[in-house]
Amino acid sequence: MDGTIIHRGHFGICYQATSAAFLGRTEPRTVRLLPDGTVLNDRAIQKIRAGERGWQYAAALLENFGAAPPSVEERTEWLASWLARLTRRLRHSGNYKYAWAIARDARRLLPASLPYPKPGGLPNGPPVPSLRINLDSKP
């Protein structure tokens, strides 16, 4: 809450130890952080928008941080208003992707592994910067 450095995730050291094929990264995207630094995932947001099963649970995540209870008829407007007030956008550079062959013979079907990432960045790539955010400031 005070601008402490946030850990950006893991590098898959256990995956590397099992000789998983490293396939690169998933697509970069923007995530929404709640006031406590947890991610409000896109699926939860979509459930509220569309009124899909479980939308009340997803809405309760925002209510826990001060959002008024939503009305069924005005979910979309409610969501837009409270997302702007309670969440902060953060650009995520993508997760690391690994794959394993289930059967030994299937290993030849996997793409060739890229060099494994290590703390500090990918081999021959730019370093991974530390991320410092202030969760107490307004979005």
N, C-alpha and C. Protein backbone atom coordinates (compact mmCIF):
# COMPACT_ATOMS: atom_id res chain seq x y z
N MET A 1 0.80 -1.20 0.00
CA MET A 1 0.00 0.00 0.00
C MET A 1 0.85 1.27 0.00
N ASP A 2 2.12 1.14 0.25
CA ASP A 2 2.97 2.30 0.39
C ASP A 2 3.98 2.45 -0.74
N GLY A 3 3.72 1.81 -1.89
CA GLY A 3 4.66 1.88 -3.00
C GLY A 3 5.69 0.76 -2.97
N THR A 4 5.44 -0.25 -2.16
CA THR A 4 6.35 -1.39 -2.08
C THR A 4 6.48 -2.06 -3.44
N ILE A 5 7.66 -2.56 -3.74
CA ILE A 5 7.87 -3.24 -5.01
C ILE A 5 6.99 -4.48 -5.07
N ILE A 6 6.30 -4.62 -6.18
CA ILE A 6 5.40 -5.75 -6.40
C ILE A 6 6.14 -6.80 -7.22
N HIS A 7 6.07 -8.03 -6.78
CA HIS A 7 6.70 -9.14 -7.52
C HIS A 7 5.89 -9.41 -8.78
N ARG A 8 6.53 -9.53 -9.91
CA ARG A 8 5.85 -9.66 -11.19
C ARG A 8 5.49 -11.09 -11.53
N GLY A 9 5.70 -12.03 -10.66
CA GLY A 9 5.35 -13.41 -10.97
C GLY A 9 6.57 -14.30 -10.92
N HIS A 10 6.42 -15.50 -11.41
CA HIS A 10 7.53 -16.44 -11.36
C HIS A 10 8.06 -16.72 -12.76
N PHE A 11 9.22 -17.32 -12.80
CA PHE A 11 9.90 -17.59 -14.07
C PHE A 11 9.71 -19.03 -14.52
N GLY A 12 9.06 -19.84 -13.70
CA GLY A 12 8.84 -21.23 -14.08
C GLY A 12 10.05 -22.10 -13.80
N ILE A 13 10.76 -21.82 -12.72
CA ILE A 13 11.97 -22.59 -12.40
C ILE A 13 11.63 -24.08 -12.29
N CYS A 14 10.50 -24.41 -11.65
CA CYS A 14 10.12 -25.83 -11.54
C CYS A 14 9.81 -26.41 -12.91
N TYR A 15 9.19 -25.62 -13.78
CA TYR A 15 8.90 -26.09 -15.14
C TYR A 15 10.20 -26.35 -15.89
N GLN A 16 11.15 -25.44 -15.70
CA GLN A 16 12.45 -25.60 -16.36
C GLN A 16 13.15 -26.86 -15.85
N ALA A 17 13.02 -27.14 -14.55
CA ALA A 17 13.67 -28.32 -13.96
C ALA A 17 13.08 -29.62 -14.52
N THR A 18 11.87 -29.57 -15.03
CA THR A 18 11.25 -30.77 -15.62
C THR A 18 11.43 -30.81 -17.13
N SER A 19 12.29 -29.94 -17.65
CA SER A 19 12.60 -29.88 -19.09
C SER A 19 11.39 -29.53 -19.95
N ALA A 20 10.52 -28.69 -19.43
CA ALA A 20 9.38 -28.21 -20.23
C ALA A 20 9.90 -27.36 -21.38
N ALA A 21 9.18 -27.35 -22.45
CA ALA A 21 9.53 -26.50 -23.59
C ALA A 21 9.03 -25.09 -23.28
N PHE A 22 9.92 -24.11 -23.35
CA PHE A 22 9.52 -22.72 -23.15
C PHE A 22 9.08 -22.16 -24.50
N LEU A 23 7.84 -21.66 -24.54
CA LEU A 23 7.24 -21.22 -25.80
C LEU A 23 7.16 -19.71 -25.95
N GLY A 24 7.65 -18.97 -24.98
CA GLY A 24 7.58 -17.51 -25.07
C GLY A 24 6.59 -16.95 -24.07
N ARG A 25 5.95 -15.87 -24.46
CA ARG A 25 4.99 -15.19 -23.58
C ARG A 25 3.60 -15.17 -24.20
N THR A 26 2.61 -15.04 -23.33
CA THR A 26 1.26 -14.80 -23.81
C THR A 26 1.18 -13.35 -24.29
N GLU A 27 0.08 -12.98 -24.89
CA GLU A 27 -0.09 -11.61 -25.39
C GLU A 27 -0.09 -10.61 -24.22
N PRO A 28 0.59 -9.48 -24.37
CA PRO A 28 0.50 -8.44 -23.34
C PRO A 28 -0.93 -7.93 -23.25
N ARG A 29 -1.32 -7.50 -22.06
CA ARG A 29 -2.67 -6.97 -21.90
C ARG A 29 -2.69 -6.02 -20.71
N THR A 30 -3.78 -5.33 -20.58
CA THR A 30 -3.96 -4.43 -19.45
C THR A 30 -4.86 -5.11 -18.44
N VAL A 31 -4.42 -5.13 -17.18
CA VAL A 31 -5.23 -5.70 -16.10
C VAL A 31 -5.72 -4.58 -15.21
N ARG A 32 -6.73 -4.88 -14.41
CA ARG A 32 -7.26 -3.91 -13.46
C ARG A 32 -6.93 -4.36 -12.06
N LEU A 33 -6.26 -3.48 -11.30
CA LEU A 33 -5.90 -3.78 -9.92
C LEU A 33 -6.92 -3.19 -8.98
N LEU A 34 -7.34 -3.98 -8.01
CA LEU A 34 -8.21 -3.50 -6.94
C LEU A 34 -7.35 -2.75 -5.92
N PRO A 35 -7.97 -2.03 -5.00
CA PRO A 35 -7.18 -1.25 -4.04
C PRO A 35 -6.16 -2.04 -3.23
N ASP A 36 -6.38 -3.35 -3.05
CA ASP A 36 -5.41 -4.15 -2.29
C ASP A 36 -4.32 -4.76 -3.17
N GLY A 37 -4.33 -4.43 -4.47
CA GLY A 37 -3.31 -4.92 -5.37
C GLY A 37 -3.66 -6.21 -6.08
N THR A 38 -4.80 -6.83 -5.75
CA THR A 38 -5.21 -8.04 -6.47
C THR A 38 -5.83 -7.65 -7.81
N VAL A 39 -5.83 -8.60 -8.73
CA VAL A 39 -6.36 -8.35 -10.07
C VAL A 39 -7.85 -8.67 -10.12
N LEU A 40 -8.63 -7.76 -10.67
CA LEU A 40 -10.03 -8.02 -10.99
C LEU A 40 -10.00 -8.52 -12.42
N ASN A 41 -10.20 -9.84 -12.61
CA ASN A 41 -9.96 -10.40 -13.94
C ASN A 41 -11.07 -10.04 -14.94
N ASP A 42 -10.70 -10.14 -16.20
CA ASP A 42 -11.60 -9.78 -17.30
C ASP A 42 -12.88 -10.60 -17.28
N ARG A 43 -12.78 -11.85 -16.88
CA ARG A 43 -13.97 -12.71 -16.87
C ARG A 43 -14.97 -12.23 -15.84
N ALA A 44 -14.52 -11.80 -14.67
CA ALA A 44 -15.41 -11.27 -13.64
C ALA A 44 -16.11 -10.01 -14.16
N ILE A 45 -15.36 -9.15 -14.82
CA ILE A 45 -15.94 -7.92 -15.38
C ILE A 45 -17.00 -8.26 -16.42
N GLN A 46 -16.72 -9.23 -17.28
CA GLN A 46 -17.68 -9.63 -18.30
C GLN A 46 -18.94 -10.23 -17.69
N LYS A 47 -18.80 -10.99 -16.62
CA LYS A 47 -19.98 -11.57 -15.95
C LYS A 47 -20.91 -10.46 -15.46
N ILE A 48 -20.33 -9.41 -14.89
CA ILE A 48 -21.16 -8.29 -14.41
C ILE A 48 -21.85 -7.62 -15.60
N ARG A 49 -21.07 -7.31 -16.64
CA ARG A 49 -21.63 -6.64 -17.83
C ARG A 49 -22.81 -7.39 -18.42
N ALA A 50 -22.63 -8.70 -18.60
CA ALA A 50 -23.64 -9.51 -19.29
C ALA A 50 -24.69 -10.10 -18.36
N GLY A 51 -24.51 -9.94 -17.04
CA GLY A 51 -25.46 -10.52 -16.10
C GLY A 51 -25.39 -12.04 -16.11
N GLU A 52 -24.23 -12.59 -16.39
CA GLU A 52 -24.06 -14.04 -16.45
C GLU A 52 -24.05 -14.64 -15.05
N ARG A 53 -24.24 -15.93 -15.00
CA ARG A 53 -24.23 -16.64 -13.73
C ARG A 53 -22.96 -16.28 -12.96
N GLY A 54 -23.12 -15.93 -11.70
CA GLY A 54 -21.99 -15.55 -10.86
C GLY A 54 -21.69 -14.06 -10.86
N TRP A 55 -22.49 -13.24 -11.55
CA TRP A 55 -22.17 -11.81 -11.62
C TRP A 55 -22.25 -11.15 -10.25
N GLN A 56 -23.15 -11.65 -9.37
CA GLN A 56 -23.27 -11.05 -8.04
C GLN A 56 -21.99 -11.24 -7.24
N TYR A 57 -21.38 -12.41 -7.38
CA TYR A 57 -20.11 -12.65 -6.69
C TYR A 57 -19.04 -11.68 -7.20
N ALA A 58 -18.98 -11.51 -8.52
CA ALA A 58 -18.00 -10.60 -9.10
C ALA A 58 -18.26 -9.16 -8.64
N ALA A 59 -19.52 -8.77 -8.58
CA ALA A 59 -19.86 -7.41 -8.12
C ALA A 59 -19.48 -7.23 -6.65
N ALA A 60 -19.60 -8.29 -5.86
CA ALA A 60 -19.25 -8.22 -4.44
C ALA A 60 -17.77 -7.91 -4.25
N LEU A 61 -16.94 -8.29 -5.21
CA LEU A 61 -15.51 -7.96 -5.12
C LEU A 61 -15.33 -6.44 -5.09
N LEU A 62 -16.11 -5.72 -5.89
CA LEU A 62 -16.04 -4.26 -5.89
C LEU A 62 -16.72 -3.68 -4.65
N GLU A 63 -17.82 -4.30 -4.24
CA GLU A 63 -18.54 -3.83 -3.05
C GLU A 63 -17.65 -3.90 -1.82
N ASN A 64 -16.77 -4.91 -1.76
CA ASN A 64 -15.86 -5.03 -0.61
C ASN A 64 -14.93 -3.83 -0.47
N PHE A 65 -14.77 -3.06 -1.55
CA PHE A 65 -13.90 -1.88 -1.51
C PHE A 65 -14.71 -0.58 -1.55
N GLY A 66 -16.01 -0.67 -1.28
CA GLY A 66 -16.80 0.54 -1.13
C GLY A 66 -17.84 0.82 -2.20
N ALA A 67 -17.95 -0.02 -3.21
CA ALA A 67 -18.96 0.21 -4.24
C ALA A 67 -20.35 -0.02 -3.65
N ALA A 68 -21.30 0.80 -4.07
CA ALA A 68 -22.68 0.59 -3.66
C ALA A 68 -23.20 -0.68 -4.33
N PRO A 69 -24.17 -1.35 -3.73
CA PRO A 69 -24.72 -2.54 -4.39
C PRO A 69 -25.34 -2.17 -5.74
N PRO A 70 -25.12 -3.00 -6.76
CA PRO A 70 -25.66 -2.67 -8.09
C PRO A 70 -27.12 -3.07 -8.23
N SER A 71 -27.83 -2.37 -9.10
CA SER A 71 -29.18 -2.82 -9.46
C SER A 71 -29.04 -3.66 -10.72
N VAL A 72 -29.91 -4.62 -10.88
CA VAL A 72 -29.84 -5.53 -12.02
C VAL A 72 -29.96 -4.76 -13.33
N GLU A 73 -30.82 -3.74 -13.36
CA GLU A 73 -31.08 -2.99 -14.59
C GLU A 73 -29.92 -2.07 -14.98
N GLU A 74 -29.14 -1.63 -14.03
CA GLU A 74 -28.09 -0.65 -14.32
C GLU A 74 -26.69 -1.20 -14.07
N ARG A 75 -26.50 -2.49 -14.31
CA ARG A 75 -25.20 -3.13 -14.07
C ARG A 75 -24.08 -2.49 -14.88
N THR A 76 -24.32 -2.22 -16.17
CA THR A 76 -23.27 -1.70 -17.04
C THR A 76 -22.79 -0.33 -16.59
N GLU A 77 -23.73 0.56 -16.28
CA GLU A 77 -23.37 1.90 -15.81
C GLU A 77 -22.68 1.82 -14.45
N TRP A 78 -23.21 0.96 -13.58
CA TRP A 78 -22.62 0.77 -12.26
C TRP A 78 -21.18 0.31 -12.40
N LEU A 79 -20.95 -0.67 -13.27
CA LEU A 79 -19.61 -1.21 -13.46
C LEU A 79 -18.64 -0.15 -13.96
N ALA A 80 -19.05 0.60 -14.98
CA ALA A 80 -18.18 1.64 -15.53
C ALA A 80 -17.81 2.67 -14.45
N SER A 81 -18.79 3.06 -13.65
CA SER A 81 -18.55 4.05 -12.61
C SER A 81 -17.59 3.53 -11.54
N TRP A 82 -17.82 2.33 -11.05
CA TRP A 82 -17.00 1.82 -9.96
C TRP A 82 -15.64 1.31 -10.41
N LEU A 83 -15.53 0.84 -11.64
CA LEU A 83 -14.20 0.47 -12.15
C LEU A 83 -13.30 1.70 -12.17
N ALA A 84 -13.85 2.82 -12.64
CA ALA A 84 -13.07 4.06 -12.71
C ALA A 84 -12.66 4.54 -11.32
N ARG A 85 -13.52 4.35 -10.33
CA ARG A 85 -13.23 4.85 -8.98
C ARG A 85 -12.33 3.93 -8.16
N LEU A 86 -12.48 2.61 -8.36
CA LEU A 86 -11.81 1.67 -7.45
C LEU A 86 -10.63 0.91 -8.04
N THR A 87 -10.48 0.92 -9.34
CA THR A 87 -9.40 0.12 -9.92
C THR A 87 -8.37 0.99 -10.63
N ARG A 88 -7.22 0.42 -10.80
CA ARG A 88 -6.12 1.08 -11.51
C ARG A 88 -5.70 0.16 -12.65
N ARG A 89 -5.50 0.73 -13.82
CA ARG A 89 -5.03 -0.05 -14.98
C ARG A 89 -3.53 -0.27 -14.85
N LEU A 90 -3.12 -1.49 -15.21
CA LEU A 90 -1.69 -1.82 -15.20
C LEU A 90 -1.40 -2.66 -16.43
N ARG A 91 -0.41 -2.25 -17.18
CA ARG A 91 -0.01 -3.00 -18.37
C ARG A 91 0.78 -4.23 -17.94
N HIS A 92 0.32 -5.40 -18.35
CA HIS A 92 0.97 -6.67 -18.02
C HIS A 92 1.68 -7.17 -19.27
N SER A 93 2.94 -7.51 -19.14
CA SER A 93 3.74 -7.87 -20.31
C SER A 93 3.50 -9.28 -20.82
N GLY A 94 2.65 -10.05 -20.17
CA GLY A 94 2.34 -11.41 -20.61
C GLY A 94 2.99 -12.45 -19.72
N ASN A 95 2.31 -13.57 -19.55
CA ASN A 95 2.84 -14.68 -18.75
C ASN A 95 3.78 -15.53 -19.60
N TYR A 96 4.66 -16.23 -18.93
CA TYR A 96 5.52 -17.18 -19.64
C TYR A 96 4.71 -18.42 -19.96
N LYS A 97 4.97 -19.01 -21.14
CA LYS A 97 4.25 -20.22 -21.58
C LYS A 97 5.21 -21.39 -21.64
N TYR A 98 4.80 -22.51 -21.04
CA TYR A 98 5.57 -23.75 -21.06
C TYR A 98 4.66 -24.87 -21.55
N ALA A 99 5.27 -25.92 -22.12
CA ALA A 99 4.50 -27.08 -22.57
C ALA A 99 5.30 -28.35 -22.29
N TRP A 100 4.56 -29.42 -22.05
CA TRP A 100 5.14 -30.74 -21.84
C TRP A 100 4.49 -31.72 -22.79
N ALA A 101 5.22 -32.74 -23.16
CA ALA A 101 4.64 -33.84 -23.91
C ALA A 101 4.11 -34.85 -22.89
N ILE A 102 2.89 -35.29 -23.08
CA ILE A 102 2.31 -36.26 -22.15
C ILE A 102 2.98 -37.62 -22.33
N ALA A 103 3.20 -38.01 -23.54
CA ALA A 103 3.88 -39.26 -23.83
C ALA A 103 5.28 -38.96 -24.36
N ARG A 104 6.22 -39.82 -24.07
CA ARG A 104 7.61 -39.60 -24.48
C ARG A 104 7.72 -39.40 -26.00
N ASP A 105 6.96 -40.18 -26.77
CA ASP A 105 7.00 -40.07 -28.23
C ASP A 105 6.46 -38.73 -28.73
N ALA A 106 5.62 -38.11 -27.94
CA ALA A 106 5.01 -36.85 -28.36
C ALA A 106 5.97 -35.67 -28.23
N ARG A 107 7.08 -35.85 -27.56
CA ARG A 107 8.04 -34.76 -27.38
C ARG A 107 8.48 -34.17 -28.72
N ARG A 108 8.61 -35.01 -29.72
CA ARG A 108 9.05 -34.53 -31.04
C ARG A 108 8.01 -33.64 -31.70
N LEU A 109 6.78 -33.68 -31.21
CA LEU A 109 5.72 -32.86 -31.78
C LEU A 109 5.70 -31.43 -31.22
N LEU A 110 6.39 -31.24 -30.10
CA LEU A 110 6.45 -29.91 -29.49
C LEU A 110 7.39 -29.01 -30.29
N PRO A 111 7.11 -27.71 -30.31
CA PRO A 111 8.08 -26.79 -30.92
C PRO A 111 9.38 -26.80 -30.12
N ALA A 112 10.45 -26.43 -30.76
CA ALA A 112 11.73 -26.33 -30.05
C ALA A 112 11.62 -25.28 -28.94
N SER A 113 12.22 -25.58 -27.82
CA SER A 113 12.18 -24.67 -26.69
C SER A 113 13.03 -23.44 -26.97
N LEU A 114 12.51 -22.31 -26.59
CA LEU A 114 13.29 -21.07 -26.60
C LEU A 114 14.19 -21.08 -25.37
N PRO A 115 15.20 -20.21 -25.30
CA PRO A 115 16.02 -20.14 -24.08
C PRO A 115 15.15 -19.80 -22.87
N TYR A 116 15.39 -20.48 -21.76
CA TYR A 116 14.59 -20.26 -20.56
C TYR A 116 14.80 -18.85 -20.00
N PRO A 117 13.72 -18.24 -19.51
CA PRO A 117 13.88 -16.95 -18.83
C PRO A 117 14.52 -17.15 -17.46
N LYS A 118 15.23 -16.16 -17.02
CA LYS A 118 15.87 -16.18 -15.70
C LYS A 118 15.54 -14.88 -14.98
N PRO A 119 15.65 -14.85 -13.66
CA PRO A 119 15.42 -13.59 -12.96
C PRO A 119 16.27 -12.49 -13.58
N GLY A 120 15.66 -11.37 -13.88
CA GLY A 120 16.38 -10.27 -14.52
C GLY A 120 16.05 -10.14 -15.98
N GLY A 121 15.35 -11.10 -16.57
CA GLY A 121 14.95 -10.98 -17.96
C GLY A 121 15.26 -12.21 -18.78
N LEU A 122 14.85 -12.18 -20.03
CA LEU A 122 15.13 -13.27 -20.96
C LEU A 122 16.58 -13.18 -21.43
N PRO A 123 17.20 -14.32 -21.75
CA PRO A 123 18.57 -14.26 -22.27
C PRO A 123 18.64 -13.35 -23.50
N ASN A 124 19.64 -12.52 -23.55
CA ASN A 124 19.85 -11.57 -24.66
C ASN A 124 18.71 -10.57 -24.82
N GLY A 125 17.93 -10.39 -23.79
CA GLY A 125 16.82 -9.44 -23.86
C GLY A 125 16.98 -8.35 -22.82
N PRO A 126 16.08 -7.38 -22.83
CA PRO A 126 16.17 -6.30 -21.84
C PRO A 126 15.86 -6.84 -20.45
N PRO A 127 16.42 -6.24 -19.42
CA PRO A 127 16.13 -6.70 -18.06
C PRO A 127 14.67 -6.45 -17.71
N VAL A 128 14.15 -7.25 -16.80
CA VAL A 128 12.78 -7.06 -16.32
C VAL A 128 12.85 -6.05 -15.19
N PRO A 129 12.24 -4.88 -15.37
CA PRO A 129 12.33 -3.86 -14.32
C PRO A 129 11.45 -4.23 -13.13
N SER A 130 11.84 -3.75 -11.96
CA SER A 130 10.97 -3.87 -10.80
C SER A 130 9.80 -2.95 -11.01
N LEU A 131 8.69 -3.27 -10.40
CA LEU A 131 7.48 -2.49 -10.55
C LEU A 131 7.15 -1.86 -9.23
N ARG A 132 7.03 -0.57 -9.22
CA ARG A 132 6.68 0.14 -7.98
C ARG A 132 5.37 0.88 -8.25
N ILE A 133 4.37 0.56 -7.44
CA ILE A 133 3.09 1.25 -7.58
C ILE A 133 2.65 1.75 -6.22
N ASN A 134 1.92 2.82 -6.23
CA ASN A 134 1.37 3.36 -5.00
C ASN A 134 -0.12 3.06 -5.01
N LEU A 135 -0.54 2.12 -4.18
CA LEU A 135 -1.94 1.70 -4.17
C LEU A 135 -2.83 2.69 -3.44
N ASP A 136 -2.24 3.65 -2.74
CA ASP A 136 -3.05 4.61 -2.01
C ASP A 136 -3.47 5.80 -2.87
N SER A 137 -2.83 6.03 -3.99
CA SER A 137 -3.17 7.18 -4.82
C SER A 137 -4.39 6.89 -5.67
N LYS A 138 -5.05 7.92 -6.14
CA LYS A 138 -6.23 7.79 -6.98
C LYS A 138 -5.81 7.25 -8.36
N PRO A 139 -6.67 6.43 -9.00
CA PRO A 139 -6.35 5.94 -10.34
C PRO A 139 -6.27 7.05 -11.36
